[in-house]
C-alpha atoms as a PDB file:
ATOM      1  CA  MET A   1      63.159  68.936 -96.399  1.00  0.00           C
ATOM      2  CA  LYS A   2      62.400  70.002 -99.946  1.00  0.00           C
ATOM      3  CA  LYS A   3      60.050  73.006-100.716  1.00  0.00           C
ATOM      4  CA  GLY A   4      56.878  72.261-101.786  1.00  0.00           C
ATOM      5  CA  ASN A   5      54.084  73.997-103.445  1.00  0.00           C
ATOM      6  CA  LYS A   6      50.768  74.891-101.250  1.00  0.00           C
ATOM      7  CA  TYR A   7      48.550  73.035-103.439  1.00  0.00           C
ATOM      8  CA  GLY A   8      50.841  70.066-104.323  1.00  0.00           C
ATOM      9  CA  LEU A   9      51.763  70.692-107.787  1.00  0.00           C
ATOM     10  CA  HIS A  10      55.491  69.524-106.798  1.00  0.00           C
ATOM     11  CA  ARG A  11      53.879  65.932-106.762  1.00  0.00           C
ATOM     12  CA  VAL A  12      52.341  65.969-110.241  1.00  0.00           C
ATOM     13  CA  ILE A  13      54.411  63.498-112.727  1.00  0.00           C
ATOM     14  CA  LYS A  14      51.815  64.126-115.527  1.00  0.00           C
ATOM     15  CA  PRO A  15      50.951  66.417-116.785  1.00  0.00           C
ATOM     16  CA  LYS A  16      53.041  68.762-116.006  1.00  0.00           C
ATOM     17  CA  GLY A  17      51.229  71.820-114.605  1.00  0.00           C
ATOM     18  CA  VAL A  18      47.957  70.759-113.507  1.00  0.00           C
ATOM     19  CA  LEU A  19      46.505  70.492-110.173  1.00  0.00           C
ATOM     20  CA  PRO A  20      46.994  67.077-108.158  1.00  0.00           C
ATOM     21  CA  GLN A  21      43.041  65.616-108.515  1.00  0.00           C
ATOM     22  CA  PRO A  22      42.842  66.244-112.700  1.00  0.00           C
ATOM     23  CA  ALA A  23      46.569  64.857-112.918  1.00  0.00           C
ATOM     24  CA  GLN A  24      46.727  61.500-114.721  1.00  0.00           C
ATOM     25  CA  ARG A  25      49.661  60.774-111.846  1.00  0.00           C
ATOM     26  CA  ILE A  26      51.436  61.877-109.161  1.00  0.00           C
ATOM     27  CA  ASP A  27      54.592  60.828-106.896  1.00  0.00           C
ATOM     28  CA  ASN A  28      53.837  59.040-104.110  1.00  0.00           C
ATOM     29  CA  THR A  29      57.092  58.462-102.865  1.00  0.00           C
ATOM     30  CA  ILE A  30      56.923  58.841 -98.842  1.00  0.00           C
ATOM     31  CA  GLU A  31      59.888  61.626 -98.644  1.00  0.00           C
ATOM     32  CA  LEU A  32      58.436  64.797 -97.075  1.00  0.00           C
ATOM     33  CA  TYR A  33      58.647  68.077 -98.263  1.00  0.00           C
ATOM     34  CA  ASP A  34      58.469  71.017 -96.204  1.00  0.00           C
ATOM     35  CA  ASN A  35      54.658  71.476 -96.168  1.00  0.00           C
ATOM     36  CA  GLU A  36      53.584  67.956 -96.018  1.00  0.00           C
ATOM     37  CA  ILE A  37      51.878  65.836 -93.317  1.00  0.00           C
ATOM     38  CA  LEU A  38      52.993  62.145 -93.651  1.00  0.00           C
ATOM     39  CA  ILE A  39      50.170  59.719 -92.341  1.00  0.00           C
ATOM     40  CA  ASP A  40      50.007  56.118 -91.512  1.00  0.00           C
ATOM     41  CA  VAL A  41      47.278  55.188 -92.918  1.00  0.00           C
ATOM     42  CA  GLU A  42      44.397  52.480 -91.582  1.00  0.00           C
ATOM     43  CA  ILE A  43      41.387  52.570 -93.632  1.00  0.00           C
ATOM     44  CA  LEU A  44      40.113  53.868 -96.954  1.00  0.00           C
ATOM     45  CA  ASN A  45      36.566  55.140 -97.075  1.00  0.00           C
ATOM     46  CA  ILE A  46      36.127  54.866-100.732  1.00  0.00           C
ATOM     47  CA  ASP A  47      33.388  56.784-102.112  1.00  0.00           C
ATOM     48  CA  SER A  48      30.288  55.245-103.267  1.00  0.00           C
ATOM     49  CA  ALA A  49      29.876  55.773-106.714  1.00  0.00           C
ATOM     50  CA  SER A  50      33.656  54.917-107.465  1.00  0.00           C
ATOM     51  CA  PHE A  51      33.318  51.697-105.056  1.00  0.00           C
ATOM     52  CA  THR A  52      29.687  50.811-106.624  1.00  0.00           C
ATOM     53  CA  GLN A  53      31.526  51.246-110.021  1.00  0.00           C
ATOM     54  CA  ILE A  54      34.482  49.017-108.826  1.00  0.00           C
ATOM     55  CA  LYS A  55      32.151  45.929-107.578  1.00  0.00           C
ATOM     56  CA  ASN A  56      30.032  46.293-110.956  1.00  0.00           C
ATOM     57  CA  GLU A  57      33.069  46.097-113.133  1.00  0.00           C
ATOM     58  CA  VAL A  58      34.944  43.131-111.309  1.00  0.00           C
ATOM     59  CA  GLY A  59      32.147  41.824-109.230  1.00  0.00           C
ATOM     60  CA  GLU A  60      31.988  40.530-105.419  1.00  0.00           C
ATOM     61  CA  ASN A  61      35.007  39.108-105.017  1.00  0.00           C
ATOM     62  CA  ASP A  62      37.573  40.641-102.521  1.00  0.00           C
ATOM     63  CA  GLU A  63      40.781  39.326-104.394  1.00  0.00           C
ATOM     64  CA  LYS A  64      39.582  41.227-107.953  1.00  0.00           C
ATOM     65  CA  ILE A  65      38.731  44.490-105.732  1.00  0.00           C
ATOM     66  CA  LYS A  66      42.245  44.362-104.259  1.00  0.00           C
ATOM     67  CA  GLU A  67      43.650  43.896-107.270  1.00  0.00           C
ATOM     68  CA  LYS A  68      41.642  46.828-108.987  1.00  0.00           C
ATOM     69  CA  MET A  69      42.286  49.038-106.362  1.00  0.00           C
ATOM     70  CA  MET A  70      46.009  48.359-106.361  1.00  0.00           C
ATOM     71  CA  GLY A  71      46.223  48.596-109.912  1.00  0.00           C
ATOM     72  CA  ILE A  72      44.637  52.346-109.592  1.00  0.00           C
ATOM     73  CA  VAL A  73      47.373  53.376-106.880  1.00  0.00           C
ATOM     74  CA  ASN A  74      50.248  51.907-108.322  1.00  0.00           C
ATOM     75  CA  LYS A  75      49.507  53.705-111.961  1.00  0.00           C
ATOM     76  CA  ARG A  76      48.069  56.914-110.484  1.00  0.00           C
ATOM     77  CA  GLY A  77      49.996  57.454-107.081  1.00  0.00           C
ATOM     78  CA  LYS A  78      46.527  57.936-105.546  1.00  0.00           C
ATOM     79  CA  HIS A  79      42.966  56.156-105.633  1.00  0.00           C
ATOM     80  CA  HIS A  80      41.689  58.142-108.226  1.00  0.00           C
ATOM     81  CA  ASN A  81      38.848  56.405-110.013  1.00  0.00           C
ATOM     82  CA  PRO A  82      39.432  56.493-113.860  1.00  0.00           C
ATOM     83  CA  VAL A  83      35.526  55.823-114.704  1.00  0.00           C
ATOM     84  CA  THR A  84      34.150  57.987-111.738  1.00  0.00           C
ATOM     85  CA  GLY A  85      36.696  60.447-111.277  1.00  0.00           C
ATOM     86  CA  SER A  86      36.146  60.511-107.517  1.00  0.00           C
ATOM     87  CA  GLY A  87      38.231  58.718-104.431  1.00  0.00           C
ATOM     88  CA  GLY A  88      36.943  58.845-101.106  1.00  0.00           C
ATOM     89  CA  MET A  89      39.222  59.623 -97.738  1.00  0.00           C
ATOM     90  CA  LEU A  90      41.040  58.028 -95.179  1.00  0.00           C
ATOM     91  CA  ILE A  91      42.010  57.715 -91.195  1.00  0.00           C
ATOM     92  CA  GLY A  92      44.990  57.426 -89.793  1.00  0.00           C
ATOM     93  CA  THR A  93      48.155  58.602 -87.259  1.00  0.00           C
ATOM     94  CA  VAL A  94      50.333  61.192 -88.216  1.00  0.00           C
ATOM     95  CA  LYS A  95      53.439  59.897 -88.647  1.00  0.00           C
ATOM     96  CA  LYS A  96      55.914  63.043 -89.431  1.00  0.00           C
ATOM     97  CA  ILE A  97      55.057  67.089 -89.958  1.00  0.00           C
ATOM     98  CA  GLY A  98      57.007  69.042 -92.289  1.00  0.00           C
ATOM     99  CA  ASP A  99      58.745  71.821 -91.065  1.00  0.00           C
ATOM    100  CA  LYS A 100      56.844  74.413 -92.321  1.00  0.00           C
ATOM    101  CA  LEU A 101      53.602  73.282 -90.752  1.00  0.00           C
ATOM    102  CA  LYS A 102      54.880  72.642 -87.372  1.00  0.00           C
ATOM    103  CA  ASP A 103      52.981  75.563 -85.941  1.00  0.00           C
ATOM    104  CA  ARG A 104      49.843  73.920 -86.581  1.00  0.00           C
ATOM    105  CA  GLU A 105      47.612  72.511 -83.855  1.00  0.00           C
ATOM    106  CA  LEU A 106      48.793  69.305 -85.202  1.00  0.00           C
ATOM    107  CA  ARG A 107      50.962  66.752 -83.455  1.00  0.00           C
ATOM    108  CA  VAL A 108      52.670  63.180 -84.476  1.00  0.00           C
ATOM    109  CA  GLY A 109      50.316  60.547 -83.301  1.00  0.00           C
ATOM    110  CA  ASP A 110      47.667  62.319 -83.530  1.00  0.00           C
ATOM    111  CA  ARG A 111      44.568  60.519 -85.016  1.00  0.00           C
ATOM    112  CA  ILE A 112      42.708  62.218 -87.997  1.00  0.00           C
ATOM    113  CA  ALA A 113      40.638  61.821 -90.975  1.00  0.00           C
ATOM    114  CA  SER A 114      41.194  63.766 -94.133  1.00  0.00           C
ATOM    115  CA  LEU A 115      38.694  65.957 -95.299  1.00  0.00           C
ATOM    116  CA  VAL A 116      39.997  65.895 -98.957  1.00  0.00           C
ATOM    117  CA  SER A 117      39.709  63.559-102.105  1.00  0.00           C
ATOM    118  CA  LEU A 118      41.547  60.670-102.256  1.00  0.00           C
ATOM    119  CA  SER A 119      41.592  61.527-105.815  1.00  0.00           C
ATOM    120  CA  LEU A 120      44.600  63.876-105.166  1.00  0.00           C
ATOM    121  CA  THR A 121      46.231  62.635-101.957  1.00  0.00           C
ATOM    122  CA  PRO A 122      49.409  60.840-102.865  1.00  0.00           C
ATOM    123  CA  LEU A 123      48.726  57.220-101.484  1.00  0.00           C
ATOM    124  CA  LYS A 124      51.198  53.869-101.365  1.00  0.00           C
ATOM    125  CA  ILE A 125      49.215  51.201-100.434  1.00  0.00           C
ATOM    126  CA  ASN A 126      51.580  47.736 -98.958  1.00  0.00           C
ATOM    127  CA  LYS A 127      48.698  45.747 -98.372  1.00  0.00           C
ATOM    128  CA  ILE A 128      45.167  45.599 -98.296  1.00  0.00           C
ATOM    129  CA  LYS A 129      44.183  43.804 -95.694  1.00  0.00           C
ATOM    130  CA  LYS A 130      40.124  43.459 -95.588  1.00  0.00           C
ATOM    131  CA  ILE A 131      37.461  44.650 -97.573  1.00  0.00           C
ATOM    132  CA  TYR A 132      34.356  45.823 -95.800  1.00  0.00           C
ATOM    133  CA  LYS A 133      31.687  45.632 -99.272  1.00  0.00           C
ATOM    134  CA  ASP A 134      28.715  46.887 -97.549  1.00  0.00           C
ATOM    135  CA  ILE A 135      30.148  49.959 -96.141  1.00  0.00           C
ATOM    136  CA  ASP A 136      32.700  50.908 -98.772  1.00  0.00           C
ATOM    137  CA  GLN A 137      35.489  50.793 -96.397  1.00  0.00           C
ATOM    138  CA  VAL A 138      39.129  48.952 -96.775  1.00  0.00           C
ATOM    139  CA  GLU A 139      41.626  48.449 -93.980  1.00  0.00           C
ATOM    140  CA  VAL A 140      45.129  48.738 -95.362  1.00  0.00           C
ATOM    141  CA  ASP A 141      48.733  49.389 -94.482  1.00  0.00           C
ATOM    142  CA  ALA A 142      49.492  52.241 -96.324  1.00  0.00           C
ATOM    143  CA  GLN A 143      50.846  55.673 -96.128  1.00  0.00           C
ATOM    144  CA  ALA A 144      49.707  59.165 -97.582  1.00  0.00           C
ATOM    145  CA  ILE A 145      50.218  62.491 -97.787  1.00  0.00           C
ATOM    146  CA  LEU A 146      48.073  65.481 -97.131  1.00  0.00           C
ATOM    147  CA  PHE A 147      49.614  68.998 -98.910  1.00  0.00           C
ATOM    148  CA  GLU A 148      49.449  72.330 -97.248  1.00  0.00           C
ATOM    149  CA  SER A 149      46.153  73.212 -98.690  1.00  0.00           C
ATOM    150  CA  GLY A 150      44.778  69.582 -97.277  1.00  0.00           C
ATOM    151  CA  ILE A 151      42.313  69.615 -94.561  1.00  0.00           C
ATOM    152  CA  TYR A 152      41.488  67.211 -91.824  1.00  0.00           C
ATOM    153  CA  ALA A 153      39.637  66.656 -88.699  1.00  0.00           C
ATOM    154  CA  LYS A 154      41.056  64.989 -85.398  1.00  0.00           C
ATOM    155  CA  LEU A 155      38.714  61.827 -84.555  1.00  0.00           C
ATOM    156  CA  PRO A 156      36.444  62.684 -81.637  1.00  0.00           C
ATOM    157  CA  ALA A 157      36.602  61.026 -78.622  1.00  0.00           C
ATOM    158  CA  ASP A 158      32.994  59.974 -78.223  1.00  0.00           C
ATOM    159  CA  MET A 159      32.331  58.164 -81.649  1.00  0.00           C
ATOM    160  CA  LYS A 160      34.158  54.890 -83.057  1.00  0.00           C
ATOM    161  CA  ASP A 161      36.509  55.687 -85.921  1.00  0.00           C
ATOM    162  CA  THR A 162      34.237  53.530 -88.571  1.00  0.00           C
ATOM    163  CA  LEU A 163      31.537  55.691 -87.731  1.00  0.00           C
ATOM    164  CA  SER A 164      33.683  59.186 -87.429  1.00  0.00           C
ATOM    165  CA  LEU A 165      35.038  57.845 -90.890  1.00  0.00           C
ATOM    166  CA  ALA A 166      31.534  57.287 -92.248  1.00  0.00           C
ATOM    167  CA  VAL A 167      30.157  60.590 -91.411  1.00  0.00           C
ATOM    168  CA  LEU A 168      33.015  62.818 -92.529  1.00  0.00           C
ATOM    169  CA  ASP A 169      33.251  60.814 -95.748  1.00  0.00           C
ATOM    170  CA  VAL A 170      29.968  62.655 -96.826  1.00  0.00           C
ATOM    171  CA  ALA A 171      30.133  65.838 -94.353  1.00  0.00           C
ATOM    172  CA  GLY A 172      29.473  68.368 -96.989  1.00  0.00           C
ATOM    173  CA  ALA A 173      26.295  66.901 -98.265  1.00  0.00           C
ATOM    174  CA  ALA A 174      24.629  67.725 -94.645  1.00  0.00           C
ATOM    175  CA  ALA A 175      26.145  71.267 -94.289  1.00  0.00           C
ATOM    176  CA  GLN A 176      25.412  72.328 -98.118  1.00  0.00           C
ATOM    177  CA  THR A 177      21.555  71.226 -97.137  1.00  0.00           C
ATOM    178  CA  ALA A 178      21.847  73.475 -93.826  1.00  0.00           C
ATOM    179  CA  LYS A 179      22.897  76.654 -96.097  1.00  0.00           C
ATOM    180  CA  LEU A 180      20.208  76.073 -98.632  1.00  0.00           C
ATOM    181  CA  VAL A 181      16.914  74.961 -97.260  1.00  0.00           C
ATOM    182  CA  LYS A 182      15.014  77.865 -95.608  1.00  0.00           C
ATOM    183  CA  PRO A 183      11.760  77.778 -93.546  1.00  0.00           C
ATOM    184  CA  GLY A 184       8.997  76.358 -95.834  1.00  0.00           C
ATOM    185  CA  ASP A 185      10.809  74.771 -98.583  1.00  0.00           C
ATOM    186  CA  ASN A 186       9.692  71.912 -99.970  1.00  0.00           C
ATOM    187  CA  VAL A 187      12.756  69.431-100.633  1.00  0.00           C
ATOM    188  CA  LEU A 188      13.028  66.609-102.281  1.00  0.00           C
ATOM    189  CA  ILE A 189      16.097  64.417-101.247  1.00  0.00           C
ATOM    190  CA  ILE A 190      17.248  61.384-104.039  1.00  0.00           C
ATOM    191  CA  GLY A 191      18.932  58.546-102.404  1.00  0.00           C
ATOM    192  CA  ALA A 192      17.275  59.686 -99.060  1.00  0.00           C
ATOM    193  CA  GLY A 193      18.266  56.224 -97.175  1.00  0.00           C
ATOM    194  CA  GLY A 194      22.124  56.128 -97.917  1.00  0.00           C
ATOM    195  CA  LYS A 195      24.282  57.881 -95.965  1.00  0.00           C
ATOM    196  CA  SER A 196      24.587  61.118 -97.095  1.00  0.00           C
ATOM    197  CA  GLY A 197      21.208  60.995 -97.544  1.00  0.00           C
ATOM    198  CA  LEU A 198      20.394  60.295 -94.002  1.00  0.00           C
ATOM    199  CA  LEU A 199      22.125  63.191 -92.869  1.00  0.00           C
ATOM    200  CA  CYS A 200      20.635  65.703 -95.293  1.00  0.00           C
ATOM    201  CA  LEU A 201      17.056  64.241 -94.290  1.00  0.00           C
ATOM    202  CA  HIS A 202      17.859  65.267 -91.148  1.00  0.00           C
ATOM    203  CA  GLU A 203      19.236  69.108 -91.648  1.00  0.00           C
ATOM    204  CA  ALA A 204      16.615  69.588 -94.575  1.00  0.00           C
ATOM    205  CA  LYS A 205      13.735  68.690 -91.845  1.00  0.00           C
ATOM    206  CA  LYS A 206      15.901  71.054 -89.078  1.00  0.00           C
ATOM    207  CA  ARG A 207      15.933  73.961 -91.456  1.00  0.00           C
ATOM    208  CA  ALA A 208      12.520  73.496 -93.318  1.00  0.00           C
ATOM    209  CA  GLY A 209      10.864  73.461 -90.124  1.00  0.00           C
ATOM    210  CA  VAL A 210       6.943  72.778 -89.786  1.00  0.00           C
ATOM    211  CA  THR A 211       6.091  74.623 -92.519  1.00  0.00           C
ATOM    212  CA  GLY A 212       8.380  72.836 -95.105  1.00  0.00           C
ATOM    213  CA  THR A 213       7.731  69.566 -96.770  1.00  0.00           C
ATOM    214  CA  VAL A 214      10.519  66.886 -97.002  1.00  0.00           C
ATOM    215  CA  ILE A 215      10.052  64.394 -98.761  1.00  0.00           C
ATOM    216  CA  GLY A 216      12.884  61.240 -99.129  1.00  0.00           C
ATOM    217  CA  MET A 217      13.012  59.065-102.118  1.00  0.00           C
ATOM    218  CA  GLY A 218      15.110  55.090-101.993  1.00  0.00           C
ATOM    219  CA  HIS A 219      15.140  52.169-104.562  1.00  0.00           C
ATOM    220  CA  SER A 220      15.736  49.561-102.314  1.00  0.00           C
ATOM    221  CA  ASP A 221      13.133  48.277 -99.716  1.00  0.00           C
ATOM    222  CA  SER A 222      15.853  48.269 -97.295  1.00  0.00           C
ATOM    223  CA  SER A 223      17.174  52.363 -97.953  1.00  0.00           C
ATOM    224  CA  CYS A 224      12.993  53.187 -97.839  1.00  0.00           C
ATOM    225  CA  GLN A 225      13.038  51.371 -94.246  1.00  0.00           C
ATOM    226  CA  ARG A 226      15.491  53.293 -92.967  1.00  0.00           C
ATOM    227  CA  ILE A 227      13.714  56.387 -94.198  1.00  0.00           C
ATOM    228  CA  LYS A 228      10.980  55.623 -92.372  1.00  0.00           C
ATOM    229  CA  GLU A 229      12.846  54.659 -89.644  1.00  0.00           C
ATOM    230  CA  MET A 230      14.035  58.040 -89.365  1.00  0.00           C
ATOM    231  CA  GLY A 231      10.609  59.416 -88.808  1.00  0.00           C
ATOM    232  CA  ILE A 232      11.290  62.958 -90.222  1.00  0.00           C
ATOM    233  CA  ALA A 233      10.135  62.276 -93.945  1.00  0.00           C
ATOM    234  CA  ASP A 234       6.863  64.007 -94.732  1.00  0.00           C
ATOM    235  CA  ILE A 235       6.565  61.780 -97.712  1.00  0.00           C
ATOM    236  CA  ILE A 236       8.613  58.865 -98.921  1.00  0.00           C
ATOM    237  CA  LEU A 237       8.769  57.843-102.307  1.00  0.00           C
ATOM    238  CA  GLN A 238      10.029  54.547-103.432  1.00  0.00           C
ATOM    239  CA  GLY A 239      11.338  54.183-106.855  1.00  0.00           C
ATOM    240  CA  ASP A 240      14.349  54.524-109.940  1.00  0.00           C
ATOM    241  CA  ALA A 241      15.865  57.398-110.209  1.00  0.00           C
ATOM    242  CA  THR A 242      17.311  56.900-113.442  1.00  0.00           C
ATOM    243  CA  LYS A 243      13.439  57.205-114.879  1.00  0.00           C
ATOM    244  CA  PRO A 244      12.408  60.495-114.986  1.00  0.00           C
ATOM    245  CA  ILE A 245       8.653  60.543-116.142  1.00  0.00           C
ATOM    246  CA  GLU A 246       7.785  58.043-113.537  1.00  0.00           C
ATOM    247  CA  THR A 247       9.644  59.760-110.322  1.00  0.00           C
ATOM    248  CA  LEU A 248       8.037  62.787-112.050  1.00  0.00           C
ATOM    249  CA  GLU A 249       4.433  61.391-111.790  1.00  0.00           C
ATOM    250  CA  MET A 250       4.946  59.622-108.399  1.00  0.00           C
ATOM    251  CA  LEU A 251       6.047  62.895-106.557  1.00  0.00           C
ATOM    252  CA  LYS A 252       3.399  65.112-107.928  1.00  0.00           C
ATOM    253  CA  GLU A 253       0.588  62.544-106.941  1.00  0.00           C
ATOM    254  CA  LYS A 254       2.175  62.201-103.760  1.00  0.00           C
ATOM    255  CA  ASN A 255       2.963  66.139-103.201  1.00  0.00           C
ATOM    256  CA  ASN A 256      -0.319  67.624-104.330  1.00  0.00           C
ATOM    257  CA  ASN A 257       0.727  68.305-107.800  1.00  0.00           C
ATOM    258  CA  GLU A 258       3.848  70.511-106.198  1.00  0.00           C
ATOM    259  CA  LEU A 259       7.656  69.869-107.423  1.00  0.00           C
ATOM    260  CA  ALA A 260      10.170  71.076-105.218  1.00  0.00           C
ATOM    261  CA  ASP A 261      11.785  74.197-104.465  1.00  0.00           C
ATOM    262  CA  ILE A 262      15.291  72.275-103.785  1.00  0.00           C
ATOM    263  CA  VAL A 263      16.374  68.768-104.947  1.00  0.00           C
ATOM    264  CA  ILE A 264      19.074  67.170-103.553  1.00  0.00           C
ATOM    265  CA  ASN A 265      20.786  64.294-105.415  1.00  0.00           C
ATOM    266  CA  ASN A 266      23.067  61.746-103.249  1.00  0.00           C
ATOM    267  CA  VAL A 267      22.819  58.604-105.502  1.00  0.00           C
ATOM    268  CA  ASN A 268      25.896  56.426-106.291  1.00  0.00           C
ATOM    269  CA  ILE A 269      24.638  55.595-109.919  1.00  0.00           C
ATOM    270  CA  PHE A 270      24.720  57.423-113.200  1.00  0.00           C
ATOM    271  CA  ASP A 271      22.071  58.874-115.342  1.00  0.00           C
ATOM    272  CA  THR A 272      19.689  60.455-112.714  1.00  0.00           C
ATOM    273  CA  GLU A 273      20.416  63.910-113.969  1.00  0.00           C
ATOM    274  CA  MET A 274      17.036  64.564-115.711  1.00  0.00           C
ATOM    275  CA  THR A 275      15.175  62.982-112.507  1.00  0.00           C
ATOM    276  CA  SER A 276      16.239  66.244-110.788  1.00  0.00           C
ATOM    277  CA  VAL A 277      15.420  68.414-113.330  1.00  0.00           C
ATOM    278  CA  LEU A 278      12.246  67.481-113.788  1.00  0.00           C
ATOM    279  CA  CYS A 279      11.010  67.456-110.308  1.00  0.00           C
ATOM    280  CA  THR A 280      12.378  70.728-109.415  1.00  0.00           C
ATOM    281  CA  LYS A 281      10.028  74.347-109.666  1.00  0.00           C
ATOM    282  CA  ASP A 282      11.397  76.803-112.035  1.00  0.00           C
ATOM    283  CA  GLN A 283      13.758  79.102-110.157  1.00  0.00           C
ATOM    284  CA  GLY A 284      14.490  76.170-107.685  1.00  0.00           C
ATOM    285  CA  ILE A 285      18.011  74.653-106.832  1.00  0.00           C
ATOM    286  CA  ILE A 286      19.121  71.189-107.231  1.00  0.00           C
ATOM    287  CA  TYR A 287      22.114  70.250-105.439  1.00  0.00           C
ATOM    288  CA  PHE A 288      24.173  67.586-106.902  1.00  0.00           C
ATOM    289  CA  PHE A 289      26.551  65.961-104.098  1.00  0.00           C
ATOM    290  CA  SER A 290      26.397  62.523-106.417  1.00  0.00           C
ATOM    291  CA  MET A 291      29.912  62.259-107.634  1.00  0.00           C
ATOM    292  CA  ALA A 292      28.336  60.327-110.492  1.00  0.00           C
ATOM    293  CA  THR A 293      26.736  62.995-111.972  1.00  0.00           C
ATOM    294  CA  SER A 294      27.498  64.178-115.444  1.00  0.00           C
ATOM    295  CA  PHE A 295      27.728  68.304-115.823  1.00  0.00           C
ATOM    296  CA  THR A 296      26.977  67.698-119.529  1.00  0.00           C
ATOM    297  CA  LYS A 297      23.929  65.805-119.165  1.00  0.00           C
ATOM    298  CA  ALA A 298      22.689  67.955-116.392  1.00  0.00           C
ATOM    299  CA  ALA A 299      23.106  71.518-118.287  1.00  0.00           C
ATOM    300  CA  LEU A 300      22.216  69.718-121.449  1.00  0.00           C
ATOM    301  CA  GLY A 301      19.151  68.043-120.152  1.00  0.00           C
ATOM    302  CA  ALA A 302      17.890  71.228-118.562  1.00  0.00           C
ATOM    303  CA  GLU A 303      17.927  72.882-121.439  1.00  0.00           C
ATOM    304  CA  GLY A 304      16.124  70.543-123.554  1.00  0.00           C
ATOM    305  CA  VAL A 305      13.123  70.729-121.604  1.00  0.00           C
ATOM    306  CA  GLY A 306      12.843  74.462-120.973  1.00  0.00           C
ATOM    307  CA  LYS A 307      13.852  74.513-116.994  1.00  0.00           C
ATOM    308  CA  ASP A 308      15.059  77.390-115.439  1.00  0.00           C
ATOM    309  CA  VAL A 309      16.898  75.601-112.383  1.00  0.00           C
ATOM    310  CA  ASN A 310      19.930  76.491-110.639  1.00  0.00           C
ATOM    311  CA  MET A 311      22.895  73.534-110.084  1.00  0.00           C
ATOM    312  CA  ILE A 312      25.330  73.850-107.641  1.00  0.00           C
ATOM    313  CA  ILE A 313      27.994  71.257-108.146  1.00  0.00           C
ATOM    314  CA  GLY A 314      28.266  68.920-104.720  1.00  0.00           C
ATOM    315  CA  ASN A 315      31.704  70.608-103.084  1.00  0.00           C
ATOM    316  CA  GLY A 316      32.495  68.277-100.579  1.00  0.00           C
ATOM    317  CA  TYR A 317      33.628  71.264 -98.514  1.00  0.00           C
ATOM    318  CA  THR A 318      31.767  73.961 -96.979  1.00  0.00           C
ATOM    319  CA  LYS A 319      33.154  76.289 -93.660  1.00  0.00           C
ATOM    320  CA  GLY A 320      32.466  74.107 -90.660  1.00  0.00           C
ATOM    321  CA  HIS A 321      30.901  70.972 -92.642  1.00  0.00           C
ATOM    322  CA  ALA A 322      33.117  68.209 -90.197  1.00  0.00           C
ATOM    323  CA  GLU A 323      31.519  69.649 -86.930  1.00  0.00           C
ATOM    324  CA  ILE A 324      28.296  70.393 -88.150  1.00  0.00           C
ATOM    325  CA  SER A 325      27.954  66.662 -89.401  1.00  0.00           C
ATOM    326  CA  LEU A 326      29.570  64.794 -86.298  1.00  0.00           C
ATOM    327  CA  GLU A 327      27.019  67.214 -84.308  1.00  0.00           C
ATOM    328  CA  ILE A 328      23.869  65.523 -85.849  1.00  0.00           C
ATOM    329  CA  MET A 329      25.137  62.462 -84.559  1.00  0.00           C
ATOM    330  CA  ARG A 330      25.122  63.979 -80.875  1.00  0.00           C
ATOM    331  CA  GLU A 331      21.727  65.444 -81.777  1.00  0.00           C
ATOM    332  CA  ASN A 332      19.791  62.769 -83.400  1.00  0.00           C
ATOM    333  CA  LYS A 333      19.759  59.179 -81.524  1.00  0.00           C
ATOM    334  CA  LYS A 334      17.683  57.593 -84.049  1.00  0.00           C
ATOM    335  CA  LEU A 335      20.366  58.030 -86.940  1.00  0.00           C
ATOM    336  CA  ARG A 336      23.434  57.806 -84.559  1.00  0.00           C
ATOM    337  CA  GLU A 337      21.386  54.259 -84.361  1.00  0.00           C
ATOM    338  CA  ILE A 338      21.254  53.625 -87.963  1.00  0.00           C
ATOM    339  CA  PHE A 339      24.835  54.617 -88.621  1.00  0.00           C
ATOM    340  CA  GLU A 340      26.449  52.636 -85.993  1.00  0.00           C
ATOM    341  CA  ARG A 341      24.051  49.714 -87.186  1.00  0.00           C
ATOM    342  CA  LEU A 342      25.355  49.879 -90.732  1.00  0.00           C
ATOM    343  CA  TYR A 343      29.053  51.358 -90.492  1.00  0.00           C
ATOM    344  CA  THR A 344      30.694  50.148 -87.127  1.00  0.00           C
END
């Protein structure tokens, strides 16, 4: 076997010298290097911001969505949306393991979920079998490569694959929330009725405790209904997060004129940065988990309104994030019921 670079530099075609994620094109041929894992892929879970953008661009027609996705992969060697810059993740079966990785606790035939983005994962799609638009998942006949540095999780035996995939796709959000929220905090979760938002809602309430206040914001009636169904949000806001002044006034009205110590942004649409900034106290924290976030809008926008806030980019990885998020499904029966209804 040929020797590969730990971070996948050997797969980068253009431009040379950059890492696979920002690369414009990578090599998605199936020939395995010594530090790679070959996966027979069954399902792709497309990042919510990416899938929403694709549907907005080409419409709801399945064939047009397939054509757009195939076009991205054929051009870039990976599912790396050129508009949102995001990808998603996958589940599949280990087909082959490079010689350098033989000592790992992984065997051919193991079923795993990737915990690194499709925006850096070499992917070859032979056929898109079916599209599940409501849950951002795509059934495929495909192969993918995980690099030596790539992280993954073995699929748990006590959950359906589609449920595991839905949870693991946004595992970083709940785990980061667990790290950030302290007892007594006033926490606003924007997009609280979505996949990552519901997980964050659980962790925020668990960490803020009885002395804290957890506020869940959703846009649609169905989103707010899910927040209500969870039964743990102290306050529920319904509104348009692209309208910062309206949202700010609504928050102050419902929350005793108080801003949030921590704002967690989980939405899959553009232009919600200033809502997050305005709703946060000075010296407070904003966690931008949303892949639709513009660093420029957030940074310059905060400067423009004189807000001294700490902004955290939504790193999808933190130690133990897969275990934390899967355990939430076991802890919270109501949340699991909602996820099983939506994603299985």
